[in-house]
Amino acid sequence: MAWNGPSPQWWARQLGCTEELARALVCAAVRETFEESGVLLAGADPGTVVSDTAAFADVRAALVSRELSLAGFLAGAGLVLRSDLLRPWSNWVTPEAEPRRYDTRFFVAALPEGQRADAATSEASDAYWRTPRAALDDWRQGRCGLLPPTWVTLTEIAECGSVAEALSTERVLTKVVPKLARRDGRWHVLMPGEPGHDGEGQ
């Protein structure tokens, strides 16, 4: 696969994993971003990025159905994966009490000029384009639901004054593992640093 930007070795150091897994994570980030929003972080050469992804609608559907791989798509279209357009942001792990657990890396990227993020995804109950602050306001007002990794990530990004600042922020990734605790007959999510996170749940 044609690749431009930080090498898998660099990504492995940033993400705290093997080079093989780092390459897979970056490719997954590019693929999932395209599948779920129509935003493609790739270009015809290392210095360009696709300006309009409408021509790849059929390819997008084939990626979603797993009829086509990202590597096959990029090679067939003569495109270069732009890992330099991604930045590592955080690493979240599902609480231990959950029967199914995930170890997920989050990335940030700027929307390439000429592209638009759409809502054509089957992996969300609702999808729309908002600033981080507007999305958080919707959540606080009960207009949408957000899981802890999402609202924490949006809060962190909202603290950046611009897209450029978010992309230039140097992040040290440590695993964030929330804890589920039973209190007053209800389950609560305790974040690292909160009282009770390091003790036994009630």
N, C-alpha and C. Protein backbone atom coordinates (compact mmCIF):
# COMPACT_ATOMS: atom_id res chain seq x y z
N MET A 1 0.84 -1.19 0.00
CA MET A 1 0.00 0.00 0.00
C MET A 1 0.88 1.25 0.00
N ALA A 2 0.60 2.17 -0.93
CA ALA A 2 1.34 3.43 -0.96
C ALA A 2 0.99 4.24 0.28
N TRP A 3 2.02 4.73 0.95
CA TRP A 3 1.85 5.34 2.29
C TRP A 3 2.67 6.61 2.36
N ASN A 4 2.08 7.70 2.79
CA ASN A 4 2.82 8.94 3.00
C ASN A 4 2.60 9.43 4.42
N GLY A 5 3.68 9.88 5.04
CA GLY A 5 3.57 10.41 6.39
C GLY A 5 4.38 9.58 7.36
N PRO A 6 4.13 9.78 8.66
CA PRO A 6 4.86 9.02 9.67
C PRO A 6 4.79 7.52 9.40
N SER A 7 5.90 6.86 9.62
CA SER A 7 6.00 5.42 9.33
C SER A 7 5.28 4.61 10.40
N PRO A 8 5.01 3.33 10.11
CA PRO A 8 4.43 2.46 11.13
C PRO A 8 5.29 2.41 12.40
N GLN A 9 6.61 2.55 12.25
CA GLN A 9 7.47 2.56 13.43
C GLN A 9 7.15 3.75 14.33
N TRP A 10 6.96 4.93 13.72
CA TRP A 10 6.60 6.13 14.48
C TRP A 10 5.25 5.95 15.15
N TRP A 11 4.29 5.43 14.39
CA TRP A 11 2.96 5.22 14.94
C TRP A 11 2.99 4.20 16.07
N ALA A 12 3.82 3.18 15.96
CA ALA A 12 3.93 2.17 17.02
C ALA A 12 4.38 2.82 18.33
N ARG A 13 5.33 3.74 18.24
CA ARG A 13 5.78 4.44 19.46
C ARG A 13 4.67 5.30 20.03
N GLN A 14 3.95 6.00 19.17
CA GLN A 14 2.88 6.88 19.64
C GLN A 14 1.70 6.10 20.23
N LEU A 15 1.38 4.97 19.63
CA LEU A 15 0.20 4.21 20.03
C LEU A 15 0.51 3.13 21.06
N GLY A 16 1.80 2.92 21.34
CA GLY A 16 2.18 1.93 22.34
C GLY A 16 1.86 0.51 21.93
N CYS A 17 2.22 0.16 20.70
CA CYS A 17 1.90 -1.18 20.20
C CYS A 17 2.97 -1.61 19.19
N THR A 18 2.79 -2.77 18.60
CA THR A 18 3.73 -3.25 17.60
C THR A 18 3.56 -2.48 16.29
N GLU A 19 4.57 -2.57 15.43
CA GLU A 19 4.48 -1.90 14.13
C GLU A 19 3.34 -2.48 13.30
N GLU A 20 3.17 -3.79 13.37
CA GLU A 20 2.10 -4.43 12.61
C GLU A 20 0.73 -3.91 13.04
N LEU A 21 0.53 -3.83 14.36
CA LEU A 21 -0.75 -3.33 14.86
C LEU A 21 -0.91 -1.85 14.55
N ALA A 22 0.18 -1.09 14.65
CA ALA A 22 0.11 0.34 14.36
C ALA A 22 -0.33 0.59 12.92
N ARG A 23 0.24 -0.16 12.00
CA ARG A 23 -0.16 -0.02 10.59
C ARG A 23 -1.65 -0.35 10.43
N ALA A 24 -2.07 -1.44 11.09
CA ALA A 24 -3.48 -1.85 10.99
C ALA A 24 -4.40 -0.79 11.59
N LEU A 25 -3.99 -0.17 12.69
CA LEU A 25 -4.82 0.84 13.34
C LEU A 25 -4.96 2.09 12.48
N VAL A 26 -3.87 2.52 11.87
CA VAL A 26 -3.93 3.70 10.99
C VAL A 26 -4.81 3.40 9.78
N CYS A 27 -4.62 2.23 9.18
CA CYS A 27 -5.45 1.85 8.03
C CYS A 27 -6.92 1.77 8.43
N ALA A 28 -7.18 1.22 9.62
CA ALA A 28 -8.56 1.12 10.09
C ALA A 28 -9.16 2.51 10.31
N ALA A 29 -8.36 3.44 10.83
CA ALA A 29 -8.85 4.80 11.04
C ALA A 29 -9.23 5.46 9.72
N VAL A 30 -8.38 5.29 8.71
CA VAL A 30 -8.67 5.86 7.39
C VAL A 30 -9.89 5.19 6.77
N ARG A 31 -9.95 3.86 6.87
CA ARG A 31 -11.08 3.14 6.29
C ARG A 31 -12.40 3.49 6.98
N GLU A 32 -12.41 3.48 8.32
CA GLU A 32 -13.63 3.76 9.06
C GLU A 32 -14.10 5.20 8.83
N THR A 33 -13.17 6.12 8.74
CA THR A 33 -13.54 7.52 8.49
C THR A 33 -14.24 7.65 7.15
N PHE A 34 -13.71 6.95 6.15
CA PHE A 34 -14.33 7.00 4.82
C PHE A 34 -15.67 6.28 4.83
N GLU A 35 -15.72 5.10 5.43
CA GLU A 35 -16.97 4.33 5.44
C GLU A 35 -18.10 5.09 6.15
N GLU A 36 -17.78 5.70 7.29
CA GLU A 36 -18.82 6.27 8.14
C GLU A 36 -19.16 7.72 7.82
N SER A 37 -18.24 8.44 7.16
CA SER A 37 -18.51 9.86 6.91
C SER A 37 -18.28 10.29 5.48
N GLY A 38 -17.65 9.43 4.67
CA GLY A 38 -17.35 9.82 3.29
C GLY A 38 -16.10 10.67 3.16
N VAL A 39 -15.37 10.86 4.25
CA VAL A 39 -14.14 11.65 4.23
C VAL A 39 -12.97 10.70 3.98
N LEU A 40 -12.18 10.99 2.95
CA LEU A 40 -11.09 10.10 2.54
C LEU A 40 -9.75 10.79 2.71
N LEU A 41 -8.91 10.22 3.57
CA LEU A 41 -7.58 10.77 3.84
C LEU A 41 -6.56 10.09 2.93
N ALA A 42 -6.65 10.40 1.65
CA ALA A 42 -5.76 9.83 0.64
C ALA A 42 -5.71 10.78 -0.54
N GLY A 43 -4.64 10.66 -1.33
CA GLY A 43 -4.49 11.53 -2.49
C GLY A 43 -3.79 10.83 -3.63
N ALA A 44 -3.75 11.49 -4.77
CA ALA A 44 -3.11 10.91 -5.95
C ALA A 44 -1.60 10.83 -5.80
N ASP A 45 -1.04 11.65 -4.93
CA ASP A 45 0.39 11.62 -4.65
C ASP A 45 0.59 12.09 -3.22
N PRO A 46 1.82 12.00 -2.69
CA PRO A 46 2.05 12.33 -1.29
C PRO A 46 1.72 13.77 -0.90
N GLY A 47 1.60 14.67 -1.87
CA GLY A 47 1.34 16.06 -1.54
C GLY A 47 -0.08 16.52 -1.77
N THR A 48 -0.97 15.60 -2.19
CA THR A 48 -2.34 16.00 -2.48
C THR A 48 -3.33 15.13 -1.70
N VAL A 49 -4.57 15.59 -1.66
CA VAL A 49 -5.64 14.81 -1.04
C VAL A 49 -6.87 14.92 -1.94
N VAL A 50 -7.63 13.86 -2.03
CA VAL A 50 -8.83 13.85 -2.86
C VAL A 50 -9.73 15.01 -2.44
N SER A 51 -10.22 15.77 -3.41
CA SER A 51 -11.06 16.93 -3.10
C SER A 51 -12.55 16.63 -3.15
N ASP A 52 -12.92 15.54 -3.80
CA ASP A 52 -14.34 15.17 -3.90
C ASP A 52 -14.43 13.66 -3.93
N THR A 53 -15.12 13.09 -2.96
CA THR A 53 -15.19 11.63 -2.87
C THR A 53 -16.47 11.05 -3.49
N ALA A 54 -17.28 11.88 -4.12
CA ALA A 54 -18.55 11.41 -4.68
C ALA A 54 -18.35 10.29 -5.70
N ALA A 55 -17.24 10.35 -6.43
CA ALA A 55 -16.98 9.33 -7.45
C ALA A 55 -16.70 7.96 -6.85
N PHE A 56 -16.44 7.92 -5.54
CA PHE A 56 -16.10 6.65 -4.89
C PHE A 56 -17.27 6.07 -4.09
N ALA A 57 -18.49 6.48 -4.39
CA ALA A 57 -19.66 6.01 -3.64
C ALA A 57 -19.79 4.49 -3.69
N ASP A 58 -19.61 3.91 -4.87
CA ASP A 58 -19.73 2.45 -5.00
C ASP A 58 -18.62 1.74 -4.25
N VAL A 59 -17.43 2.33 -4.30
CA VAL A 59 -16.30 1.75 -3.59
C VAL A 59 -16.55 1.78 -2.09
N ARG A 60 -17.11 2.87 -1.63
CA ARG A 60 -17.42 3.00 -0.20
C ARG A 60 -18.36 1.90 0.25
N ALA A 61 -19.38 1.63 -0.54
CA ALA A 61 -20.32 0.56 -0.21
C ALA A 61 -19.63 -0.80 -0.20
N ALA A 62 -18.70 -1.00 -1.12
CA ALA A 62 -17.97 -2.27 -1.18
C ALA A 62 -17.05 -2.43 0.02
N LEU A 63 -16.50 -1.33 0.51
CA LEU A 63 -15.68 -1.38 1.72
C LEU A 63 -16.53 -1.75 2.93
N VAL A 64 -17.70 -1.14 3.02
CA VAL A 64 -18.60 -1.41 4.14
C VAL A 64 -19.00 -2.88 4.16
N SER A 65 -19.28 -3.45 3.00
CA SER A 65 -19.71 -4.85 2.91
C SER A 65 -18.53 -5.82 2.93
N ARG A 66 -17.32 -5.29 3.00
CA ARG A 66 -16.09 -6.07 3.02
C ARG A 66 -15.86 -6.83 1.71
N GLU A 67 -16.48 -6.36 0.64
CA GLU A 67 -16.22 -6.94 -0.67
C GLU A 67 -14.89 -6.45 -1.22
N LEU A 68 -14.39 -5.36 -0.65
CA LEU A 68 -13.14 -4.74 -1.11
C LEU A 68 -12.36 -4.29 0.10
N SER A 69 -11.04 -4.45 0.04
CA SER A 69 -10.18 -3.99 1.13
C SER A 69 -9.72 -2.57 0.86
N LEU A 70 -9.29 -1.88 1.91
CA LEU A 70 -8.77 -0.53 1.73
C LEU A 70 -7.54 -0.55 0.83
N ALA A 71 -6.65 -1.53 1.04
CA ALA A 71 -5.45 -1.62 0.22
C ALA A 71 -5.81 -1.83 -1.24
N GLY A 72 -6.79 -2.69 -1.50
CA GLY A 72 -7.21 -2.94 -2.87
C GLY A 72 -7.82 -1.71 -3.51
N PHE A 73 -8.62 -0.99 -2.74
CA PHE A 73 -9.23 0.25 -3.25
C PHE A 73 -8.17 1.28 -3.60
N LEU A 74 -7.26 1.56 -2.67
CA LEU A 74 -6.25 2.59 -2.91
C LEU A 74 -5.35 2.22 -4.08
N ALA A 75 -4.95 0.96 -4.15
CA ALA A 75 -4.08 0.53 -5.25
C ALA A 75 -4.80 0.65 -6.58
N GLY A 76 -6.05 0.23 -6.63
CA GLY A 76 -6.80 0.29 -7.88
C GLY A 76 -7.08 1.70 -8.34
N ALA A 77 -7.23 2.61 -7.38
CA ALA A 77 -7.52 4.01 -7.71
C ALA A 77 -6.25 4.85 -7.86
N GLY A 78 -5.10 4.23 -7.60
CA GLY A 78 -3.83 4.96 -7.69
C GLY A 78 -3.70 6.03 -6.62
N LEU A 79 -4.17 5.72 -5.41
CA LEU A 79 -4.15 6.69 -4.32
C LEU A 79 -3.13 6.32 -3.25
N VAL A 80 -2.65 7.34 -2.57
CA VAL A 80 -1.67 7.19 -1.49
C VAL A 80 -2.36 7.47 -0.16
N LEU A 81 -2.21 6.56 0.80
CA LEU A 81 -2.75 6.79 2.14
C LEU A 81 -1.96 7.90 2.81
N ARG A 82 -2.65 8.90 3.36
CA ARG A 82 -2.01 10.06 3.97
C ARG A 82 -2.03 9.94 5.50
N SER A 83 -1.10 9.18 6.04
CA SER A 83 -1.05 9.03 7.50
C SER A 83 -0.64 10.33 8.18
N ASP A 84 -0.06 11.25 7.40
CA ASP A 84 0.34 12.54 7.97
C ASP A 84 -0.85 13.43 8.27
N LEU A 85 -2.04 13.08 7.79
CA LEU A 85 -3.23 13.88 8.07
C LEU A 85 -3.91 13.47 9.37
N LEU A 86 -3.44 12.38 9.97
CA LEU A 86 -3.98 11.89 11.23
C LEU A 86 -3.08 12.27 12.39
N ARG A 87 -3.69 12.44 13.56
CA ARG A 87 -2.94 12.63 14.80
C ARG A 87 -3.52 11.69 15.85
N PRO A 88 -2.65 11.05 16.64
CA PRO A 88 -3.15 10.19 17.72
C PRO A 88 -3.75 11.05 18.83
N TRP A 89 -4.86 10.61 19.42
CA TRP A 89 -5.50 11.43 20.45
C TRP A 89 -5.65 10.71 21.79
N SER A 90 -6.21 9.51 21.80
CA SER A 90 -6.40 8.84 23.09
C SER A 90 -6.56 7.34 22.90
N ASN A 91 -6.53 6.63 24.02
CA ASN A 91 -6.64 5.17 24.04
C ASN A 91 -7.60 4.77 25.16
N TRP A 92 -8.77 4.28 24.78
CA TRP A 92 -9.79 3.91 25.77
C TRP A 92 -9.99 2.41 25.79
N VAL A 93 -10.19 1.89 27.01
CA VAL A 93 -10.45 0.47 27.21
C VAL A 93 -11.77 0.32 27.96
N THR A 94 -12.61 -0.60 27.50
CA THR A 94 -13.91 -0.84 28.13
C THR A 94 -13.73 -1.28 29.59
N PRO A 95 -14.61 -0.82 30.50
CA PRO A 95 -14.52 -1.24 31.90
C PRO A 95 -14.47 -2.75 32.06
N GLU A 96 -13.79 -3.22 33.10
CA GLU A 96 -13.60 -4.65 33.32
C GLU A 96 -14.92 -5.38 33.54
N ALA A 97 -15.92 -4.69 34.06
CA ALA A 97 -17.20 -5.34 34.37
C ALA A 97 -17.99 -5.71 33.12
N GLU A 98 -17.64 -5.12 31.98
CA GLU A 98 -18.39 -5.39 30.75
C GLU A 98 -18.01 -6.76 30.17
N PRO A 99 -19.00 -7.51 29.68
CA PRO A 99 -18.70 -8.83 29.11
C PRO A 99 -17.88 -8.76 27.83
N ARG A 100 -18.08 -7.70 27.04
CA ARG A 100 -17.29 -7.50 25.83
C ARG A 100 -16.44 -6.25 26.02
N ARG A 101 -15.14 -6.40 25.82
CA ARG A 101 -14.24 -5.27 26.07
C ARG A 101 -13.48 -4.91 24.80
N TYR A 102 -13.19 -3.62 24.67
CA TYR A 102 -12.48 -3.10 23.50
C TYR A 102 -11.31 -2.24 23.95
N ASP A 103 -10.26 -2.27 23.17
CA ASP A 103 -9.08 -1.43 23.38
C ASP A 103 -8.98 -0.55 22.14
N THR A 104 -9.47 0.68 22.24
CA THR A 104 -9.69 1.53 21.07
C THR A 104 -8.82 2.77 21.08
N ARG A 105 -8.17 3.04 19.95
CA ARG A 105 -7.43 4.29 19.78
C ARG A 105 -8.29 5.29 19.03
N PHE A 106 -8.20 6.54 19.47
CA PHE A 106 -8.92 7.63 18.81
C PHE A 106 -7.92 8.56 18.13
N PHE A 107 -8.32 9.08 16.97
CA PHE A 107 -7.48 9.97 16.18
C PHE A 107 -8.26 11.25 15.88
N VAL A 108 -7.52 12.30 15.51
CA VAL A 108 -8.15 13.51 15.00
C VAL A 108 -7.56 13.82 13.64
N ALA A 109 -8.34 14.52 12.82
CA ALA A 109 -7.90 14.93 11.48
C ALA A 109 -8.73 16.12 11.06
N ALA A 110 -8.17 16.94 10.18
CA ALA A 110 -8.91 18.07 9.61
C ALA A 110 -9.68 17.59 8.39
N LEU A 111 -10.84 18.17 8.16
CA LEU A 111 -11.61 17.84 6.97
C LEU A 111 -10.88 18.39 5.75
N PRO A 112 -10.49 17.54 4.80
CA PRO A 112 -9.77 18.02 3.62
C PRO A 112 -10.62 19.01 2.81
N GLU A 113 -9.94 19.98 2.25
CA GLU A 113 -10.63 21.01 1.45
C GLU A 113 -11.38 20.36 0.29
N GLY A 114 -12.63 20.76 0.10
CA GLY A 114 -13.45 20.23 -0.98
C GLY A 114 -14.29 19.04 -0.59
N GLN A 115 -13.91 18.33 0.46
CA GLN A 115 -14.68 17.19 0.91
C GLN A 115 -15.77 17.63 1.90
N ARG A 116 -16.78 16.79 2.05
CA ARG A 116 -17.82 17.06 3.03
C ARG A 116 -18.16 15.76 3.77
N ALA A 117 -18.40 15.90 5.05
CA ALA A 117 -18.81 14.74 5.84
C ALA A 117 -20.32 14.59 5.72
N ASP A 118 -20.77 13.40 5.37
CA ASP A 118 -22.21 13.17 5.24
C ASP A 118 -22.71 12.29 6.39
N ALA A 119 -23.96 11.96 6.35
CA ALA A 119 -24.56 11.15 7.41
C ALA A 119 -24.91 9.76 6.90
N ALA A 120 -24.28 9.34 5.82
CA ALA A 120 -24.60 8.05 5.20
C ALA A 120 -23.85 6.92 5.89
N THR A 121 -24.28 6.58 7.09
CA THR A 121 -23.65 5.49 7.83
C THR A 121 -24.73 4.63 8.47
N SER A 122 -24.46 3.34 8.53
CA SER A 122 -25.38 2.41 9.17
C SER A 122 -24.94 2.10 10.60
N GLU A 123 -23.86 2.74 11.05
CA GLU A 123 -23.30 2.43 12.36
C GLU A 123 -23.68 3.44 13.43
N ALA A 124 -24.63 4.31 13.15
CA ALA A 124 -25.06 5.30 14.14
C ALA A 124 -26.56 5.50 14.02
N SER A 125 -27.20 5.78 15.15
CA SER A 125 -28.64 6.05 15.13
C SER A 125 -28.91 7.44 14.57
N ASP A 126 -27.92 8.32 14.65
CA ASP A 126 -28.05 9.67 14.11
C ASP A 126 -26.66 10.18 13.79
N ALA A 127 -26.54 11.00 12.77
CA ALA A 127 -25.24 11.56 12.39
C ALA A 127 -25.44 12.95 11.83
N TYR A 128 -24.63 13.88 12.28
CA TYR A 128 -24.70 15.25 11.78
C TYR A 128 -23.38 15.95 12.06
N TRP A 129 -23.18 17.07 11.37
CA TRP A 129 -21.93 17.83 11.50
C TRP A 129 -22.12 18.94 12.52
N ARG A 130 -21.32 18.95 13.57
CA ARG A 130 -21.39 19.96 14.62
C ARG A 130 -19.98 20.29 15.10
N THR A 131 -19.84 21.47 15.67
CA THR A 131 -18.59 21.76 16.38
C THR A 131 -18.59 20.93 17.66
N PRO A 132 -17.43 20.69 18.26
CA PRO A 132 -17.41 19.95 19.52
C PRO A 132 -18.30 20.59 20.59
N ARG A 133 -18.25 21.90 20.70
CA ARG A 133 -19.06 22.58 21.73
C ARG A 133 -20.55 22.40 21.46
N ALA A 134 -20.96 22.49 20.20
CA ALA A 134 -22.38 22.32 19.87
C ALA A 134 -22.84 20.89 20.16
N ALA A 135 -21.99 19.92 19.86
CA ALA A 135 -22.33 18.52 20.13
C ALA A 135 -22.47 18.28 21.63
N LEU A 136 -21.57 18.87 22.41
CA LEU A 136 -21.64 18.74 23.86
C LEU A 136 -22.89 19.41 24.41
N ASP A 137 -23.27 20.54 23.84
CA ASP A 137 -24.49 21.22 24.27
C ASP A 137 -25.71 20.37 23.97
N ASP A 138 -25.74 19.74 22.79
CA ASP A 138 -26.84 18.83 22.45
C ASP A 138 -26.94 17.71 23.48
N TRP A 139 -25.79 17.19 23.88
CA TRP A 139 -25.74 16.10 24.85
C TRP A 139 -26.26 16.56 26.22
N ARG A 140 -25.78 17.70 26.67
CA ARG A 140 -26.20 18.20 27.99
C ARG A 140 -27.69 18.53 28.02
N GLN A 141 -28.23 18.93 26.88
CA GLN A 141 -29.65 19.26 26.80
C GLN A 141 -30.52 18.03 26.51
N GLY A 142 -29.88 16.86 26.42
CA GLY A 142 -30.64 15.64 26.21
C GLY A 142 -31.08 15.40 24.79
N ARG A 143 -30.50 16.14 23.86
CA ARG A 143 -30.90 15.97 22.46
C ARG A 143 -30.15 14.84 21.77
N CYS A 144 -29.11 14.33 22.41
CA CYS A 144 -28.37 13.19 21.86
C CYS A 144 -27.71 12.45 23.01
N GLY A 145 -27.30 11.24 22.76
CA GLY A 145 -26.58 10.46 23.75
C GLY A 145 -25.12 10.31 23.37
N LEU A 146 -24.24 10.42 24.34
CA LEU A 146 -22.81 10.26 24.09
C LEU A 146 -22.22 9.33 25.14
N LEU A 147 -21.41 8.39 24.70
CA LEU A 147 -20.68 7.53 25.61
C LEU A 147 -19.47 8.28 26.16
N PRO A 148 -18.94 7.86 27.32
CA PRO A 148 -17.82 8.58 27.94
C PRO A 148 -16.64 8.88 27.01
N PRO A 149 -16.16 7.92 26.20
CA PRO A 149 -15.03 8.29 25.33
C PRO A 149 -15.35 9.44 24.39
N THR A 150 -16.61 9.51 23.94
CA THR A 150 -17.00 10.56 23.00
C THR A 150 -17.09 11.91 23.67
N TRP A 151 -17.79 11.98 24.83
CA TRP A 151 -17.92 13.30 25.45
C TRP A 151 -16.61 13.80 26.03
N VAL A 152 -15.77 12.89 26.50
CA VAL A 152 -14.46 13.33 26.99
C VAL A 152 -13.60 13.84 25.84
N THR A 153 -13.59 13.10 24.72
CA THR A 153 -12.81 13.52 23.56
C THR A 153 -13.30 14.86 23.02
N LEU A 154 -14.61 15.03 22.91
CA LEU A 154 -15.16 16.30 22.43
C LEU A 154 -14.80 17.44 23.37
N THR A 155 -14.83 17.18 24.67
CA THR A 155 -14.46 18.21 25.65
C THR A 155 -13.00 18.62 25.48
N GLU A 156 -12.13 17.64 25.28
CA GLU A 156 -10.70 17.94 25.10
C GLU A 156 -10.47 18.73 23.83
N ILE A 157 -11.12 18.32 22.73
CA ILE A 157 -10.94 19.03 21.46
C ILE A 157 -11.51 20.43 21.54
N ALA A 158 -12.64 20.59 22.26
CA ALA A 158 -13.27 21.90 22.39
C ALA A 158 -12.36 22.90 23.10
N GLU A 159 -11.45 22.39 23.92
CA GLU A 159 -10.53 23.27 24.63
C GLU A 159 -9.45 23.84 23.72
N CYS A 160 -9.30 23.26 22.54
CA CYS A 160 -8.35 23.79 21.55
C CYS A 160 -8.99 24.98 20.84
N GLY A 161 -8.21 26.00 20.59
CA GLY A 161 -8.75 27.21 19.99
C GLY A 161 -9.01 27.12 18.50
N SER A 162 -8.45 26.11 17.86
CA SER A 162 -8.60 25.98 16.41
C SER A 162 -8.29 24.55 16.00
N VAL A 163 -8.60 24.23 14.74
CA VAL A 163 -8.26 22.92 14.20
C VAL A 163 -6.74 22.74 14.21
N ALA A 164 -6.03 23.79 13.84
CA ALA A 164 -4.56 23.73 13.81
C ALA A 164 -4.00 23.42 15.19
N GLU A 165 -4.60 24.03 16.22
CA GLU A 165 -4.12 23.78 17.58
C GLU A 165 -4.38 22.33 17.99
N ALA A 166 -5.53 21.81 17.62
CA ALA A 166 -5.84 20.41 17.94
C ALA A 166 -4.84 19.47 17.26
N LEU A 167 -4.52 19.76 16.01
CA LEU A 167 -3.60 18.90 15.27
C LEU A 167 -2.17 19.01 15.77
N SER A 168 -1.82 20.15 16.34
CA SER A 168 -0.45 20.35 16.81
C SER A 168 -0.26 19.94 18.27
N THR A 169 -1.34 19.56 18.94
CA THR A 169 -1.25 19.16 20.34
C THR A 169 -0.49 17.85 20.48
N GLU A 170 0.54 17.86 21.29
CA GLU A 170 1.32 16.65 21.54
C GLU A 170 0.64 15.84 22.63
N ARG A 171 0.17 14.68 22.29
CA ARG A 171 -0.56 13.84 23.24
C ARG A 171 0.28 12.62 23.62
N VAL A 172 0.35 12.33 24.92
CA VAL A 172 0.96 11.11 25.40
C VAL A 172 -0.17 10.14 25.71
N LEU A 173 -0.25 9.07 24.94
CA LEU A 173 -1.37 8.15 25.08
C LEU A 173 -1.16 7.17 26.23
N THR A 174 -2.05 7.22 27.20
CA THR A 174 -2.11 6.22 28.26
C THR A 174 -3.52 5.63 28.24
N LYS A 175 -3.62 4.38 28.59
CA LYS A 175 -4.93 3.72 28.55
C LYS A 175 -5.89 4.34 29.56
N VAL A 176 -7.05 4.74 29.09
CA VAL A 176 -8.11 5.27 29.94
C VAL A 176 -9.11 4.13 30.16
N VAL A 177 -9.21 3.69 31.42
CA VAL A 177 -10.10 2.57 31.74
C VAL A 177 -11.13 3.03 32.78
N PRO A 178 -12.33 3.41 32.36
CA PRO A 178 -13.37 3.78 33.32
C PRO A 178 -13.76 2.57 34.18
N LYS A 179 -14.46 2.85 35.26
CA LYS A 179 -14.93 1.78 36.13
C LYS A 179 -16.43 1.94 36.36
N LEU A 180 -17.14 0.82 36.41
CA LEU A 180 -18.56 0.85 36.72
C LEU A 180 -18.75 0.60 38.21
N ALA A 181 -19.52 1.47 38.87
CA ALA A 181 -19.78 1.33 40.30
C ALA A 181 -21.27 1.46 40.56
N ARG A 182 -21.76 0.64 41.47
CA ARG A 182 -23.18 0.64 41.83
C ARG A 182 -23.39 1.55 43.03
N ARG A 183 -24.19 2.58 42.85
CA ARG A 183 -24.47 3.52 43.93
C ARG A 183 -25.94 3.93 43.90
N ASP A 184 -26.56 3.87 45.07
CA ASP A 184 -27.97 4.28 45.19
C ASP A 184 -28.86 3.56 44.17
N GLY A 185 -28.54 2.30 43.94
CA GLY A 185 -29.37 1.51 43.04
C GLY A 185 -29.15 1.78 41.56
N ARG A 186 -28.13 2.56 41.24
CA ARG A 186 -27.86 2.89 39.84
C ARG A 186 -26.39 2.65 39.53
N TRP A 187 -26.13 2.35 38.24
CA TRP A 187 -24.75 2.20 37.80
C TRP A 187 -24.18 3.57 37.42
N HIS A 188 -22.95 3.82 37.85
CA HIS A 188 -22.26 5.07 37.53
C HIS A 188 -20.93 4.75 36.86
N VAL A 189 -20.53 5.60 35.94
CA VAL A 189 -19.23 5.45 35.29
C VAL A 189 -18.24 6.35 36.01
N LEU A 190 -17.21 5.75 36.57
CA LEU A 190 -16.17 6.50 37.27
C LEU A 190 -14.95 6.62 36.38
N MET A 191 -14.50 7.85 36.19
CA MET A 191 -13.33 8.08 35.36
C MET A 191 -12.06 8.03 36.21
N PRO A 192 -10.91 7.70 35.61
CA PRO A 192 -9.66 7.73 36.36
C PRO A 192 -9.47 9.07 37.06
N GLY A 193 -9.12 9.01 38.34
CA GLY A 193 -8.95 10.23 39.13
C GLY A 193 -10.16 10.59 39.96
N GLU A 194 -11.32 10.02 39.62
CA GLU A 194 -12.52 10.30 40.40
C GLU A 194 -12.54 9.42 41.66
N PRO A 195 -13.14 9.93 42.75
CA PRO A 195 -13.24 9.13 43.97
C PRO A 195 -13.94 7.80 43.70
N GLY A 196 -13.34 6.73 44.19
CA GLY A 196 -13.92 5.41 44.03
C GLY A 196 -13.41 4.64 42.83
N HIS A 197 -12.71 5.32 41.92
CA HIS A 197 -12.25 4.60 40.72
C HIS A 197 -11.23 3.53 41.07
N ASP A 198 -10.34 3.83 42.00
CA ASP A 198 -9.29 2.88 42.34
C ASP A 198 -9.67 1.95 43.48
N GLY A 199 -10.88 2.16 44.07
CA GLY A 199 -11.34 1.28 45.14
C GLY A 199 -12.38 0.32 44.63
N GLU A 200 -13.03 -0.34 45.53
CA GLU A 200 -14.06 -1.31 45.16
C GLU A 200 -15.38 -0.60 44.94
N GLY A 201 -16.11 -1.00 43.88
CA GLY A 201 -17.43 -0.43 43.61
C GLY A 201 -18.44 -0.92 44.63
N GLN A 202 -19.48 -0.13 44.85
CA GLN A 202 -20.51 -0.47 45.82
C GLN A 202 -21.67 -1.16 45.11
